[in-house]
Amino acid sequence: MLVMVVFFIAFRWIHLSTPLIRLFLLVLILLLMPTLNFLPVWFALSLLRFRLPSRLPMMFILWMVAMMVVIIPSRTV
């Protein structure tokens, strides 16, 4: 449920305010820092700095968050 809310909020804001997206992602990454593998996320954030026309960096970040929040904890049970 939380992941769906994150996806919805990110996709609603992605075309409205790029600085707001960056702030949202920064807060999200800092909150999930203990569980994230930080290097792929840092790479995706550095791609955002180039203002690419595609949504690929954002999709990569959201995919990483979904993997760490939903799929990996369910495998450890």
PDB file of N, CA and C in Angstrom:
ATOM      1  N   MET A   1       0.824  -1.196   0.000  1.00  0.00           N
ATOM      2  CA  MET A   1       0.000   0.000   0.000  1.00  0.00           C
ATOM      3  C   MET A   1       0.869   1.262   0.000  1.00  0.00           C
ATOM      4  N   LEU A   2       1.879   1.257   0.866  1.00  0.00           N
ATOM      5  CA  LEU A   2       2.778   2.407   0.942  1.00  0.00           C
ATOM      6  C   LEU A   2       3.499   2.631  -0.380  1.00  0.00           C
ATOM      7  N   VAL A   3       3.914   1.540  -1.013  1.00  0.00           N
ATOM      8  CA  VAL A   3       4.631   1.673  -2.285  1.00  0.00           C
ATOM      9  C   VAL A   3       3.717   2.254  -3.357  1.00  0.00           C
ATOM     10  N   MET A   4       2.453   1.846  -3.367  1.00  0.00           N
ATOM     11  CA  MET A   4       1.519   2.406  -4.342  1.00  0.00           C
ATOM     12  C   MET A   4       1.311   3.897  -4.112  1.00  0.00           C
ATOM     13  N   VAL A   5       1.269   4.318  -2.855  1.00  0.00           N
ATOM     14  CA  VAL A   5       1.129   5.745  -2.552  1.00  0.00           C
ATOM     15  C   VAL A   5       2.354   6.507  -3.035  1.00  0.00           C
ATOM     16  N   VAL A   6       3.538   5.939  -2.821  1.00  0.00           N
ATOM     17  CA  VAL A   6       4.777   6.588  -3.271  1.00  0.00           C
ATOM     18  C   VAL A   6       4.780   6.717  -4.792  1.00  0.00           C
ATOM     19  N   PHE A   7       4.407   5.649  -5.497  1.00  0.00           N
ATOM     20  CA  PHE A   7       4.346   5.714  -6.956  1.00  0.00           C
ATOM     21  C   PHE A   7       3.351   6.780  -7.410  1.00  0.00           C
ATOM     22  N   PHE A   8       2.180   6.813  -6.787  1.00  0.00           N
ATOM     23  CA  PHE A   8       1.154   7.771  -7.192  1.00  0.00           C
ATOM     24  C   PHE A   8       1.634   9.201  -6.981  1.00  0.00           C
ATOM     25  N   ILE A   9       2.178   9.487  -5.814  1.00  0.00           N
ATOM     26  CA  ILE A   9       2.639  10.846  -5.518  1.00  0.00           C
ATOM     27  C   ILE A   9       3.769  11.245  -6.458  1.00  0.00           C
ATOM     28  N   ALA A  10       4.708  10.345  -6.686  1.00  0.00           N
ATOM     29  CA  ALA A  10       5.845  10.677  -7.546  1.00  0.00           C
ATOM     30  C   ALA A  10       5.405  10.946  -8.980  1.00  0.00           C
ATOM     31  N   PHE A  11       4.497  10.143  -9.498  1.00  0.00           N
ATOM     32  CA  PHE A  11       4.072  10.351 -10.875  1.00  0.00           C
ATOM     33  C   PHE A  11       3.153  11.555 -11.028  1.00  0.00           C
ATOM     34  N   ARG A  12       2.432  11.930  -9.986  1.00  0.00           N
ATOM     35  CA  ARG A  12       1.600  13.134 -10.058  1.00  0.00           C
ATOM     36  C   ARG A  12       2.467  14.390 -10.039  1.00  0.00           C
ATOM     37  N   TRP A  13       3.569  14.354  -9.321  1.00  0.00           N
ATOM     38  CA  TRP A  13       4.408  15.539  -9.162  1.00  0.00           C
ATOM     39  C   TRP A  13       5.531  15.628 -10.179  1.00  0.00           C
ATOM     40  N   ILE A  14       5.808  14.556 -10.921  1.00  0.00           N
ATOM     41  CA  ILE A  14       7.012  14.526 -11.747  1.00  0.00           C
ATOM     42  C   ILE A  14       7.003  15.612 -12.824  1.00  0.00           C
ATOM     43  N   HIS A  15       5.851  15.959 -13.359  1.00  0.00           N
ATOM     44  CA  HIS A  15       5.803  16.973 -14.409  1.00  0.00           C
ATOM     45  C   HIS A  15       5.478  18.358 -13.855  1.00  0.00           C
ATOM     46  N   LEU A  16       5.168  18.462 -12.572  1.00  0.00           N
ATOM     47  CA  LEU A  16       4.772  19.748 -12.010  1.00  0.00           C
ATOM     48  C   LEU A  16       5.944  20.507 -11.400  1.00  0.00           C
ATOM     49  N   SER A  17       6.792  19.807 -10.682  1.00  0.00           N
ATOM     50  CA  SER A  17       7.844  20.511  -9.967  1.00  0.00           C
ATOM     51  C   SER A  17       9.047  19.602  -9.765  1.00  0.00           C
ATOM     52  N   THR A  18      10.073  19.797 -10.557  1.00  0.00           N
ATOM     53  CA  THR A  18      11.269  18.968 -10.436  1.00  0.00           C
ATOM     54  C   THR A  18      11.978  19.158  -9.097  1.00  0.00           C
ATOM     55  N   PRO A  19      12.144  20.378  -8.567  1.00  0.00           N
ATOM     56  CA  PRO A  19      12.777  20.505  -7.249  1.00  0.00           C
ATOM     57  C   PRO A  19      11.977  19.821  -6.142  1.00  0.00           C
ATOM     58  N   LEU A  20      10.665  19.821  -6.254  1.00  0.00           N
ATOM     59  CA  LEU A  20       9.848  19.140  -5.258  1.00  0.00           C
ATOM     60  C   LEU A  20      10.066  17.635  -5.321  1.00  0.00           C
ATOM     61  N   ILE A  21      10.213  17.095  -6.514  1.00  0.00           N
ATOM     62  CA  ILE A  21      10.506  15.669  -6.676  1.00  0.00           C
ATOM     63  C   ILE A  21      11.850  15.338  -6.045  1.00  0.00           C
ATOM     64  N   ARG A  22      12.832  16.170  -6.291  1.00  0.00           N
ATOM     65  CA  ARG A  22      14.159  15.902  -5.729  1.00  0.00           C
ATOM     66  C   ARG A  22      14.134  15.937  -4.211  1.00  0.00           C
ATOM     67  N   LEU A  23      13.415  16.886  -3.644  1.00  0.00           N
ATOM     68  CA  LEU A  23      13.299  16.956  -2.191  1.00  0.00           C
ATOM     69  C   LEU A  23      12.579  15.730  -1.644  1.00  0.00           C
ATOM     70  N   PHE A  24      11.498  15.320  -2.293  1.00  0.00           N
ATOM     71  CA  PHE A  24      10.750  14.137  -1.876  1.00  0.00           C
ATOM     72  C   PHE A  24      11.626  12.888  -1.923  1.00  0.00           C
ATOM     73  N   LEU A  25      12.380  12.730  -3.015  1.00  0.00           N
ATOM     74  CA  LEU A  25      13.248  11.560  -3.134  1.00  0.00           C
ATOM     75  C   LEU A  25      14.382  11.593  -2.125  1.00  0.00           C
ATOM     76  N   LEU A  26      14.918  12.763  -1.860  1.00  0.00           N
ATOM     77  CA  LEU A  26      15.982  12.870  -0.872  1.00  0.00           C
ATOM     78  C   LEU A  26      15.492  12.457   0.503  1.00  0.00           C
ATOM     79  N   VAL A  27      14.325  12.929   0.894  1.00  0.00           N
ATOM     80  CA  VAL A  27      13.754  12.544   2.188  1.00  0.00           C
ATOM     81  C   VAL A  27      13.472  11.051   2.217  1.00  0.00           C
ATOM     82  N   LEU A  28      12.931  10.517   1.139  1.00  0.00           N
ATOM     83  CA  LEU A  28      12.631   9.089   1.081  1.00  0.00           C
ATOM     84  C   LEU A  28      13.897   8.249   1.188  1.00  0.00           C
ATOM     85  N   ILE A  29      14.941   8.658   0.497  1.00  0.00           N
ATOM     86  CA  ILE A  29      16.201   7.918   0.552  1.00  0.00           C
ATOM     87  C   ILE A  29      16.820   8.006   1.936  1.00  0.00           C
ATOM     88  N   LEU A  30      16.774   9.170   2.553  1.00  0.00           N
ATOM     89  CA  LEU A  30      17.339   9.298   3.894  1.00  0.00           C
ATOM     90  C   LEU A  30      16.573   8.463   4.911  1.00  0.00           C
ATOM     91  N   LEU A  31      15.270   8.350   4.736  1.00  0.00           N
ATOM     92  CA  LEU A  31      14.485   7.519   5.649  1.00  0.00           C
ATOM     93  C   LEU A  31      14.765   6.031   5.458  1.00  0.00           C
ATOM     94  N   LEU A  32      15.023   5.628   4.228  1.00  0.00           N
ATOM     95  CA  LEU A  32      15.244   4.212   3.929  1.00  0.00           C
ATOM     96  C   LEU A  32      16.720   3.847   3.814  1.00  0.00           C
ATOM     97  N   MET A  33      17.605   4.755   4.199  1.00  0.00           N
ATOM     98  CA  MET A  33      19.037   4.552   4.032  1.00  0.00           C
ATOM     99  C   MET A  33      19.556   3.233   4.617  1.00  0.00           C
ATOM    100  N   PRO A  34      19.106   2.803   5.792  1.00  0.00           N
ATOM    101  CA  PRO A  34      19.663   1.542   6.324  1.00  0.00           C
ATOM    102  C   PRO A  34      19.366   0.326   5.454  1.00  0.00           C
ATOM    103  N   THR A  35      18.307   0.355   4.669  1.00  0.00           N
ATOM    104  CA  THR A  35      17.953  -0.814   3.867  1.00  0.00           C
ATOM    105  C   THR A  35      18.312  -0.682   2.403  1.00  0.00           C
ATOM    106  N   LEU A  36      18.707   0.492   1.959  1.00  0.00           N
ATOM    107  CA  LEU A  36      18.999   0.678   0.532  1.00  0.00           C
ATOM    108  C   LEU A  36      20.454   0.371   0.214  1.00  0.00           C
ATOM    109  N   ASN A  37      20.653  -0.195  -0.945  1.00  0.00           N
ATOM    110  CA  ASN A  37      21.994  -0.254  -1.500  1.00  0.00           C
ATOM    111  C   ASN A  37      22.207   1.108  -2.159  1.00  0.00           C
ATOM    112  N   PHE A  38      23.041   1.941  -1.580  1.00  0.00           N
ATOM    113  CA  PHE A  38      23.024   3.362  -1.903  1.00  0.00           C
ATOM    114  C   PHE A  38      23.646   3.701  -3.254  1.00  0.00           C
ATOM    115  N   LEU A  39      24.577   2.906  -3.748  1.00  0.00           N
ATOM    116  CA  LEU A  39      25.259   3.267  -4.993  1.00  0.00           C
ATOM    117  C   LEU A  39      24.337   3.310  -6.214  1.00  0.00           C
ATOM    118  N   PRO A  40      23.449   2.327  -6.438  1.00  0.00           N
ATOM    119  CA  PRO A  40      22.536   2.471  -7.589  1.00  0.00           C
ATOM    120  C   PRO A  40      21.600   3.666  -7.461  1.00  0.00           C
ATOM    121  N   VAL A  41      21.179   3.968  -6.243  1.00  0.00           N
ATOM    122  CA  VAL A  41      20.307   5.125  -6.038  1.00  0.00           C
ATOM    123  C   VAL A  41      21.072   6.414  -6.311  1.00  0.00           C
ATOM    124  N   TRP A  42      22.307   6.486  -5.862  1.00  0.00           N
ATOM    125  CA  TRP A  42      23.133   7.662  -6.128  1.00  0.00           C
ATOM    126  C   TRP A  42      23.346   7.844  -7.636  1.00  0.00           C
ATOM    127  N   PHE A  43      23.538   6.743  -8.346  1.00  0.00           N
ATOM    128  CA  PHE A  43      23.685   6.804  -9.801  1.00  0.00           C
ATOM    129  C   PHE A  43      22.420   7.362 -10.458  1.00  0.00           C
ATOM    130  N   ALA A  44      21.264   6.890 -10.024  1.00  0.00           N
ATOM    131  CA  ALA A  44      20.009   7.379 -10.597  1.00  0.00           C
ATOM    132  C   ALA A  44      19.795   8.855 -10.278  1.00  0.00           C
ATOM    133  N   LEU A  45      20.145   9.271  -9.067  1.00  0.00           N
ATOM    134  CA  LEU A  45      20.021  10.689  -8.723  1.00  0.00           C
ATOM    135  C   LEU A  45      20.971  11.543  -9.552  1.00  0.00           C
ATOM    136  N   SER A  46      22.151  11.015  -9.847  1.00  0.00           N
ATOM    137  CA  SER A  46      23.073  11.781 -10.686  1.00  0.00           C
ATOM    138  C   SER A  46      22.540  11.894 -12.112  1.00  0.00           C
ATOM    139  N   LEU A  47      21.783  10.887 -12.583  1.00  0.00           N
ATOM    140  CA  LEU A  47      21.154  11.002 -13.901  1.00  0.00           C
ATOM    141  C   LEU A  47      20.091  12.091 -13.909  1.00  0.00           C
ATOM    142  N   LEU A  48      19.404  12.280 -12.791  1.00  0.00           N
ATOM    143  CA  LEU A  48      18.398  13.338 -12.717  1.00  0.00           C
ATOM    144  C   LEU A  48      19.022  14.719 -12.880  1.00  0.00           C
ATOM    145  N   ARG A  49      20.282  14.850 -12.498  1.00  0.00           N
ATOM    146  CA  ARG A  49      20.961  16.137 -12.591  1.00  0.00           C
ATOM    147  C   ARG A  49      21.111  16.582 -14.046  1.00  0.00           C
ATOM    148  N   PHE A  50      21.155  15.625 -14.982  1.00  0.00           N
ATOM    149  CA  PHE A  50      21.331  15.969 -16.394  1.00  0.00           C
ATOM    150  C   PHE A  50      20.027  16.362 -17.076  1.00  0.00           C
ATOM    151  N   ARG A  51      18.897  16.291 -16.359  1.00  0.00           N
ATOM    152  CA  ARG A  51      17.578  16.639 -16.890  1.00  0.00           C
ATOM    153  C   ARG A  51      17.272  15.881 -18.179  1.00  0.00           C
ATOM    154  N   LEU A  52      17.368  14.564 -18.088  1.00  0.00           N
ATOM    155  CA  LEU A  52      17.080  13.723 -19.241  1.00  0.00           C
ATOM    156  C   LEU A  52      15.601  13.832 -19.613  1.00  0.00           C
ATOM    157  N   PRO A  53      15.286  13.725 -20.886  1.00  0.00           N
ATOM    158  CA  PRO A  53      13.881  13.850 -21.286  1.00  0.00           C
ATOM    159  C   PRO A  53      13.017  12.657 -20.877  1.00  0.00           C
ATOM    160  N   SER A  54      13.636  11.529 -20.600  1.00  0.00           N
ATOM    161  CA  SER A  54      12.854  10.348 -20.236  1.00  0.00           C
ATOM    162  C   SER A  54      12.655  10.287 -18.722  1.00  0.00           C
ATOM    163  N   ARG A  55      11.770   9.400 -18.317  1.00  0.00           N
ATOM    164  CA  ARG A  55      11.513   9.199 -16.893  1.00  0.00           C
ATOM    165  C   ARG A  55      12.302   8.016 -16.349  1.00  0.00           C
ATOM    166  N   LEU A  56      13.311   7.579 -17.065  1.00  0.00           N
ATOM    167  CA  LEU A  56      14.064   6.398 -16.665  1.00  0.00           C
ATOM    168  C   LEU A  56      14.725   6.528 -15.296  1.00  0.00           C
ATOM    169  N   PRO A  57      15.410   7.633 -14.975  1.00  0.00           N
ATOM    170  CA  PRO A  57      16.003   7.722 -13.632  1.00  0.00           C
ATOM    171  C   PRO A  57      14.964   7.638 -12.518  1.00  0.00           C
ATOM    172  N   MET A  58      13.831   8.293 -12.699  1.00  0.00           N
ATOM    173  CA  MET A  58      12.784   8.246 -11.685  1.00  0.00           C
ATOM    174  C   MET A  58      12.225   6.837 -11.546  1.00  0.00           C
ATOM    175  N   MET A  59      12.024   6.154 -12.662  1.00  0.00           N
ATOM    176  CA  MET A  59      11.518   4.785 -12.613  1.00  0.00           C
ATOM    177  C   MET A  59      12.509   3.873 -11.902  1.00  0.00           C
ATOM    178  N   PHE A  60      13.804   4.085 -12.134  1.00  0.00           N
ATOM    179  CA  PHE A  60      14.823   3.267 -11.486  1.00  0.00           C
ATOM    180  C   PHE A  60      14.806   3.477  -9.979  1.00  0.00           C
ATOM    181  N   ILE A  61      14.701   4.727  -9.548  1.00  0.00           N
ATOM    182  CA  ILE A  61      14.663   5.018  -8.114  1.00  0.00           C
ATOM    183  C   ILE A  61      13.427   4.389  -7.476  1.00  0.00           C
ATOM    184  N   LEU A  62      12.281   4.548  -8.108  1.00  0.00           N
ATOM    185  CA  LEU A  62      11.061   3.976  -7.547  1.00  0.00           C
ATOM    186  C   LEU A  62      11.109   2.453  -7.535  1.00  0.00           C
ATOM    187  N   TRP A  63      11.733   1.855  -8.549  1.00  0.00           N
ATOM    188  CA  TRP A  63      11.879   0.402  -8.565  1.00  0.00           C
ATOM    189  C   TRP A  63      12.761  -0.068  -7.414  1.00  0.00           C
ATOM    190  N   MET A  64      13.861   0.655  -7.170  1.00  0.00           N
ATOM    191  CA  MET A  64      14.746   0.294  -6.054  1.00  0.00           C
ATOM    192  C   MET A  64      14.010   0.388  -4.727  1.00  0.00           C
ATOM    193  N   VAL A  65      13.240   1.441  -4.533  1.00  0.00           N
ATOM    194  CA  VAL A  65      12.489   1.599  -3.287  1.00  0.00           C
ATOM    195  C   VAL A  65      11.474   0.472  -3.140  1.00  0.00           C
ATOM    196  N   ALA A  66      10.784   0.134  -4.217  1.00  0.00           N
ATOM    197  CA  ALA A  66       9.807  -0.950  -4.147  1.00  0.00           C
ATOM    198  C   ALA A  66      10.479  -2.279  -3.825  1.00  0.00           C
ATOM    199  N   MET A  67      11.628  -2.533  -4.398  1.00  0.00           N
ATOM    200  CA  MET A  67      12.347  -3.777  -4.113  1.00  0.00           C
ATOM    201  C   MET A  67      12.753  -3.853  -2.652  1.00  0.00           C
ATOM    202  N   MET A  68      13.257  -2.750  -2.115  1.00  0.00           N
ATOM    203  CA  MET A  68      13.744  -2.772  -0.741  1.00  0.00           C
ATOM    204  C   MET A  68      12.609  -2.790   0.274  1.00  0.00           C
ATOM    205  N   VAL A  69      11.495  -2.176  -0.051  1.00  0.00           N
ATOM    206  CA  VAL A  69      10.403  -2.071   0.919  1.00  0.00           C
ATOM    207  C   VAL A  69       9.518  -3.308   0.906  1.00  0.00           C
ATOM    208  N   VAL A  70       9.269  -3.881  -0.261  1.00  0.00           N
ATOM    209  CA  VAL A  70       8.272  -4.948  -0.362  1.00  0.00           C
ATOM    210  C   VAL A  70       8.899  -6.319  -0.571  1.00  0.00           C
ATOM    211  N   ILE A  71       9.703  -6.478  -1.589  1.00  0.00           N
ATOM    212  CA  ILE A  71      10.114  -7.812  -2.011  1.00  0.00           C
ATOM    213  C   ILE A  71      11.194  -8.399  -1.113  1.00  0.00           C
ATOM    214  N   ILE A  72      12.238  -7.655  -0.820  1.00  0.00           N
ATOM    215  CA  ILE A  72      13.340  -8.211  -0.036  1.00  0.00           C
ATOM    216  C   ILE A  72      12.925  -8.546   1.396  1.00  0.00           C
ATOM    217  N   PRO A  73      12.183  -7.689   2.122  1.00  0.00           N
ATOM    218  CA  PRO A  73      11.750  -8.108   3.468  1.00  0.00           C
ATOM    219  C   PRO A  73      10.832  -9.327   3.452  1.00  0.00           C
ATOM    220  N   SER A  74      10.053  -9.537   2.411  1.00  0.00           N
ATOM    221  CA  SER A  74       9.171 -10.702   2.377  1.00  0.00           C
ATOM    222  C   SER A  74       9.953 -11.990   2.163  1.00  0.00           C
ATOM    223  N   ARG A  75      11.133 -11.928   1.606  1.00  0.00           N
ATOM    224  CA  ARG A  75      11.957 -13.126   1.414  1.00  0.00           C
ATOM    225  C   ARG A  75      12.648 -13.559   2.699  1.00  0.00           C
ATOM    226  N   THR A  76      12.851 -12.667   3.631  1.00  0.00           N
ATOM    227  CA  THR A  76      13.582 -13.015   4.850  1.00  0.00           C
ATOM    228  C   THR A  76      12.707 -13.690   5.885  1.00  0.00           C
ATOM    229  N   VAL A  77      11.398 -13.695   5.675  1.00  0.00           N
ATOM    230  CA  VAL A  77      10.488 -14.300   6.658  1.00  0.00           C
ATOM    231  C   VAL A  77      10.467 -15.795   6.494  1.00  0.00           C
TER     232      VAL A  77
END
